[in-house]
Amino acid sequence: VLSEIDSLIVSESSKLDVLKKHKIGLLQSLFPTYENKNPKKRFPDYLKSGMWKYVRLCDIADRVILKNKDNSIKRVLTNSAINGVVDQNEYFDREIVSKNNLSNYYVIEKGDYVYNPRISALAPVGPISKNKIGQGIMSPLYTVFRFKEEDHGFYEYYFKTTLWHKYINSKSNTGARHDRINISTEDFMGMPVPVSPDPKEQQKIATFLKSVDSLIFEQESRIRMLQSYKKGMIVELFPSIEEVLK
């Protein structure tokens, strides 16, 4: 019985790996590059809509610079390469900052984006993540920005690609700390980002990638269910030490 469950877990895990690799390929092919203004893959409805263009990030988004001056907000958020924007007290085992000295932190709202300049294997120029968990405050070491238009799901996925990394590297200070990108706020907000000639094309890309994420989530849930079922079967099929000693 347990062997059969293990086989199912291996099989479902292989399917999950295929989905994740497929998503990586889509992320690199559905977006244009600065050198080639059209994506490698394009939905048929938009093949004749024209070339994509690039604008500066500051043209379509504003920096968030509101400070927590009255120290009224105590919920400190952080941006991790793996989990995105999370509560700092849940992400770290110990308290990192003093709750009494948060007046210099930026007030961040749900839907805002955060750039963390700390580099890692998963984020070689630092991650840009969307805040999905609600209002909080963010360290002034991070850059927080907010899109002017409400529909910005396209850029949430764009920042999961590596297509913007080359620009960040070109503007970073080579004399900076080895574990952190040193880029000025002006240079960061001057980052070129793609804009489709038809806004509906961007919406369709975001919707399509969201559906892929849903498939990945369902597959991960299926694997967790099988793993939980296996643990339950082990408890049922094998006696405990207490039972044996009786």
Protein backbone atom coordinates (compact mmCIF):
# COMPACT_ATOMS: atom_id res chain seq x y z
CA VAL A 1 0.00 0.00 0.00
CA LEU A 2 2.73 2.45 0.99
CA SER A 3 4.71 1.59 -2.14
CA GLU A 4 1.68 2.44 -4.27
CA ILE A 5 1.29 5.78 -2.49
CA ASP A 6 4.99 6.54 -3.00
CA SER A 7 4.63 5.80 -6.70
CA LEU A 8 1.70 8.21 -6.90
CA ILE A 9 3.68 10.93 -5.12
CA VAL A 10 6.62 10.48 -7.52
CA SER A 11 4.27 10.57 -10.52
CA GLU A 12 2.43 13.70 -9.34
CA SER A 13 5.74 15.40 -8.45
CA SER A 14 6.98 14.78 -12.00
CA LYS A 15 3.85 16.46 -13.36
CA LEU A 16 4.50 19.42 -11.06
CA ASP A 17 8.07 19.73 -12.35
CA VAL A 18 6.78 19.77 -15.94
CA LEU A 19 4.28 22.52 -15.11
CA LYS A 20 6.93 24.66 -13.42
CA LYS A 21 9.36 24.28 -16.33
CA HIS A 22 6.54 25.12 -18.74
CA LYS A 23 5.82 28.30 -16.79
CA ILE A 24 9.50 29.34 -16.89
CA GLY A 25 9.47 28.91 -20.67
CA LEU A 26 6.27 30.96 -20.98
CA LEU A 27 7.70 33.76 -18.85
CA GLN A 28 10.68 34.04 -21.17
CA SER A 29 8.69 33.84 -24.42
CA LEU A 30 5.48 35.84 -23.80
CA PHE A 31 7.34 39.07 -22.99
CA PRO A 32 9.41 41.14 -25.43
CA THR A 33 13.06 41.99 -24.83
CA TYR A 34 14.56 45.45 -25.12
CA GLU A 35 16.51 44.36 -28.19
CA ASN A 36 13.56 42.56 -29.84
CA LYS A 37 10.37 44.54 -29.39
CA ASN A 38 8.06 41.61 -30.13
CA PRO A 39 7.71 38.51 -27.91
CA LYS A 40 8.79 35.10 -29.23
CA LYS A 41 5.20 33.89 -28.77
CA ARG A 42 2.13 36.01 -29.32
CA PHE A 43 -1.60 35.33 -29.20
CA PRO A 44 -3.07 35.20 -32.76
CA ASP A 45 -5.54 38.03 -32.05
CA TYR A 46 -2.67 40.50 -31.56
CA LEU A 47 -0.22 39.52 -34.29
CA LYS A 48 -1.25 42.51 -36.40
CA SER A 49 -1.66 45.02 -33.59
CA GLY A 50 1.85 46.43 -33.98
CA MET A 51 5.19 46.46 -32.20
CA TRP A 52 5.60 46.66 -28.47
CA LYS A 53 7.39 49.70 -27.06
CA TYR A 54 9.34 50.46 -23.91
CA VAL A 55 8.68 53.25 -21.41
CA ARG A 56 10.37 54.15 -18.15
CA LEU A 57 8.91 52.64 -14.99
CA CYS A 58 8.42 56.18 -13.63
CA ASP A 59 6.11 56.91 -16.59
CA ILE A 60 3.57 54.33 -15.46
CA ALA A 61 4.29 54.05 -11.72
CA ASP A 62 5.01 56.37 -8.80
CA ARG A 63 7.38 55.83 -5.90
CA VAL A 64 5.73 55.34 -2.53
CA ILE A 65 7.42 57.78 -0.16
CA LEU A 66 4.84 58.19 2.63
CA LYS A 67 6.64 57.64 5.93
CA ASN A 68 5.25 56.14 9.12
CA LYS A 69 6.02 59.41 10.92
CA ASP A 70 3.60 58.98 13.83
CA ASN A 71 4.82 55.40 14.37
CA SER A 72 1.18 54.26 14.25
CA ILE A 73 1.72 51.20 12.03
CA LYS A 74 3.58 48.33 13.69
CA ARG A 75 3.18 45.63 11.03
CA VAL A 76 6.65 45.31 9.48
CA LEU A 77 6.79 43.60 6.08
CA THR A 78 9.73 42.23 4.14
CA ASN A 79 10.27 40.98 0.59
CA SER A 80 11.82 37.53 0.23
CA ALA A 81 12.97 35.91 -2.99
CA ILE A 82 11.00 32.73 -2.24
CA ASN A 83 7.77 33.92 -0.62
CA GLY A 84 7.47 37.52 -1.84
CA VAL A 85 6.06 40.14 0.55
CA VAL A 86 5.48 38.58 3.99
CA ASP A 87 5.16 39.62 7.63
CA GLN A 88 8.65 39.99 9.04
CA ASN A 89 7.74 38.40 12.38
CA GLU A 90 6.49 35.30 10.55
CA TYR A 91 9.46 35.08 8.20
CA PHE A 92 12.20 35.46 10.83
CA ASP A 93 12.54 33.51 14.08
CA ARG A 94 13.39 36.61 16.07
CA GLU A 95 12.37 40.27 16.07
CA ILE A 96 14.60 42.16 13.62
CA VAL A 97 13.60 45.77 14.33
CA SER A 98 12.42 47.71 17.34
CA LYS A 99 8.68 48.42 17.26
CA ASN A 100 9.39 51.81 18.83
CA ASN A 101 11.51 53.13 15.98
CA LEU A 102 9.54 52.70 12.76
CA SER A 103 8.97 56.35 11.83
CA ASN A 104 11.39 56.19 8.88
CA TYR A 105 9.68 53.19 7.28
CA TYR A 106 7.52 53.49 4.15
CA VAL A 107 3.78 52.87 4.45
CA ILE A 108 2.88 50.20 1.89
CA GLU A 109 -0.61 49.28 0.74
CA LYS A 110 -1.97 46.10 -0.80
CA GLY A 111 -1.15 46.10 -4.52
CA ASP A 112 2.11 48.06 -4.15
CA TYR A 113 5.38 46.61 -5.45
CA VAL A 114 8.64 46.26 -3.53
CA TYR A 115 12.21 45.95 -4.78
CA ASN A 116 14.64 44.28 -2.40
CA PRO A 117 18.25 44.93 -3.53
CA ARG A 118 19.62 41.91 -1.62
CA ILE A 119 20.83 39.29 -4.08
CA SER A 120 20.53 35.51 -3.80
CA ALA A 121 20.69 32.42 -5.97
CA LEU A 122 16.97 32.78 -6.74
CA ALA A 123 17.14 36.55 -7.26
CA PRO A 124 20.54 37.49 -8.74
CA VAL A 125 19.67 41.22 -8.86
CA GLY A 126 17.15 41.16 -6.00
CA PRO A 127 13.41 40.37 -6.20
CA ILE A 128 10.52 42.66 -7.14
CA SER A 129 7.29 41.42 -5.56
CA LYS A 130 3.69 42.55 -5.32
CA ASN A 131 2.22 43.11 -1.87
CA LYS A 132 -0.77 40.74 -1.61
CA ILE A 133 -1.21 40.65 2.16
CA GLY A 134 -2.34 44.18 3.09
CA GLN A 135 -1.13 47.40 4.68
CA GLY A 136 2.17 47.50 6.51
CA ILE A 137 5.49 49.27 6.58
CA MET A 138 8.68 48.52 4.67
CA SER A 139 12.32 49.31 5.43
CA PRO A 140 13.74 52.41 3.66
CA LEU A 141 16.41 50.09 2.24
CA TYR A 142 13.72 48.85 -0.18
CA THR A 143 12.17 50.73 -3.12
CA VAL A 144 8.36 50.78 -3.08
CA PHE A 145 6.30 51.83 -6.09
CA ARG A 146 2.66 51.91 -7.16
CA PHE A 147 1.26 51.64 -10.69
CA LYS A 148 -0.92 54.51 -11.87
CA GLU A 149 -3.39 52.16 -13.58
CA GLU A 150 -5.36 49.59 -11.60
CA ASP A 151 -4.77 46.69 -14.00
CA HIS A 152 -1.09 45.81 -13.53
CA GLY A 153 -1.12 42.01 -13.24
CA PHE A 154 0.98 41.87 -16.40
CA TYR A 155 3.91 43.53 -14.61
CA GLU A 156 3.62 41.23 -11.62
CA TYR A 157 4.58 38.42 -14.01
CA TYR A 158 7.09 40.51 -15.95
CA PHE A 159 9.12 41.00 -12.78
CA LYS A 160 9.24 37.22 -12.36
CA THR A 161 11.27 37.01 -15.58
CA THR A 162 14.98 37.78 -15.94
CA LEU A 163 14.38 40.24 -18.78
CA TRP A 164 14.90 43.32 -16.58
CA HIS A 165 18.05 42.02 -14.87
CA LYS A 166 20.45 43.30 -17.53
CA TYR A 167 19.35 46.90 -16.96
CA ILE A 168 19.74 46.64 -13.17
CA ASN A 169 23.24 45.21 -13.56
CA SER A 170 24.19 47.98 -15.98
CA LYS A 171 23.19 50.66 -13.46
CA SER A 172 24.48 49.07 -10.28
CA ASN A 173 27.62 50.26 -8.53
CA THR A 174 30.36 47.65 -8.93
CA GLY A 175 31.94 48.83 -5.70
CA ALA A 176 28.87 47.94 -3.65
CA ARG A 177 28.54 45.20 -1.05
CA HIS A 178 28.80 41.76 -2.61
CA ASP A 179 25.38 40.71 -1.26
CA ARG A 180 23.41 43.78 -2.34
CA ILE A 181 22.75 45.68 -5.58
CA ASN A 182 23.65 49.34 -5.21
CA ILE A 183 21.38 51.26 -7.58
CA SER A 184 20.04 54.79 -7.18
CA THR A 185 16.30 55.32 -6.89
CA GLU A 186 16.39 57.48 -10.03
CA ASP A 187 18.08 54.74 -12.04
CA PHE A 188 15.70 52.11 -10.71
CA MET A 189 12.59 54.15 -11.58
CA GLY A 190 14.14 54.81 -15.01
CA MET A 191 14.05 51.07 -15.78
CA PRO A 192 12.60 50.40 -19.27
CA VAL A 193 9.45 48.23 -19.10
CA PRO A 194 7.40 46.88 -22.03
CA VAL A 195 4.01 48.23 -23.12
CA SER A 196 1.79 46.47 -25.64
CA PRO A 197 0.12 48.47 -28.43
CA ASP A 198 -3.15 46.90 -27.19
CA PRO A 199 -3.73 46.86 -23.40
CA LYS A 200 -5.95 43.80 -23.80
CA GLU A 201 -2.90 41.82 -24.90
CA GLN A 202 -1.21 42.50 -21.57
CA GLN A 203 -4.38 41.47 -19.74
CA LYS A 204 -4.58 38.23 -21.69
CA ILE A 205 -0.96 37.36 -20.90
CA ALA A 206 -1.57 37.95 -17.19
CA THR A 207 -4.80 35.91 -17.23
CA PHE A 208 -3.11 33.05 -19.06
CA LEU A 209 -0.15 32.92 -16.66
CA LYS A 210 -2.54 33.11 -13.71
CA SER A 211 -4.30 30.01 -15.01
CA VAL A 212 -0.93 28.22 -15.15
CA ASP A 213 -0.32 29.26 -11.53
CA SER A 214 -3.71 27.77 -10.62
CA LEU A 215 -2.70 24.46 -12.19
CA ILE A 216 0.56 24.50 -10.24
CA PHE A 217 -1.28 25.25 -6.99
CA GLU A 218 -3.75 22.41 -7.60
CA GLN A 219 -0.90 20.00 -8.32
CA GLU A 220 0.95 21.07 -5.15
CA SER A 221 -2.26 20.56 -3.16
CA ARG A 222 -2.67 17.08 -4.64
CA ILE A 223 0.87 16.14 -3.60
CA ARG A 224 0.35 17.49 -0.06
CA MET A 225 -2.85 15.46 0.20
CA LEU A 226 -1.05 12.27 -0.84
CA GLN A 227 1.78 12.95 1.62
CA SER A 228 -0.73 13.51 4.42
CA TYR A 229 -2.58 10.33 3.44
CA LYS A 230 0.70 8.40 3.56
CA LYS A 231 1.44 9.64 7.09
CA GLY A 232 -2.03 8.58 8.20
CA MET A 233 -1.57 5.13 6.69
CA ILE A 234 1.78 4.70 8.46
CA VAL A 235 0.12 5.47 11.80
CA GLU A 236 -2.64 2.95 11.06
CA LEU A 237 -0.43 0.17 9.69
CA PHE A 238 2.42 0.24 12.24
CA PRO A 239 2.02 -0.13 16.01
CA SER A 240 3.48 2.51 18.32
CA ILE A 241 6.16 1.68 20.88
CA GLU A 242 3.55 2.12 23.64
CA GLU A 243 1.29 -0.44 22.00
CA VAL A 244 4.15 -2.91 21.60
CA LEU A 245 5.18 -2.50 25.26
CA LYS A 246 1.66 -3.25 26.41
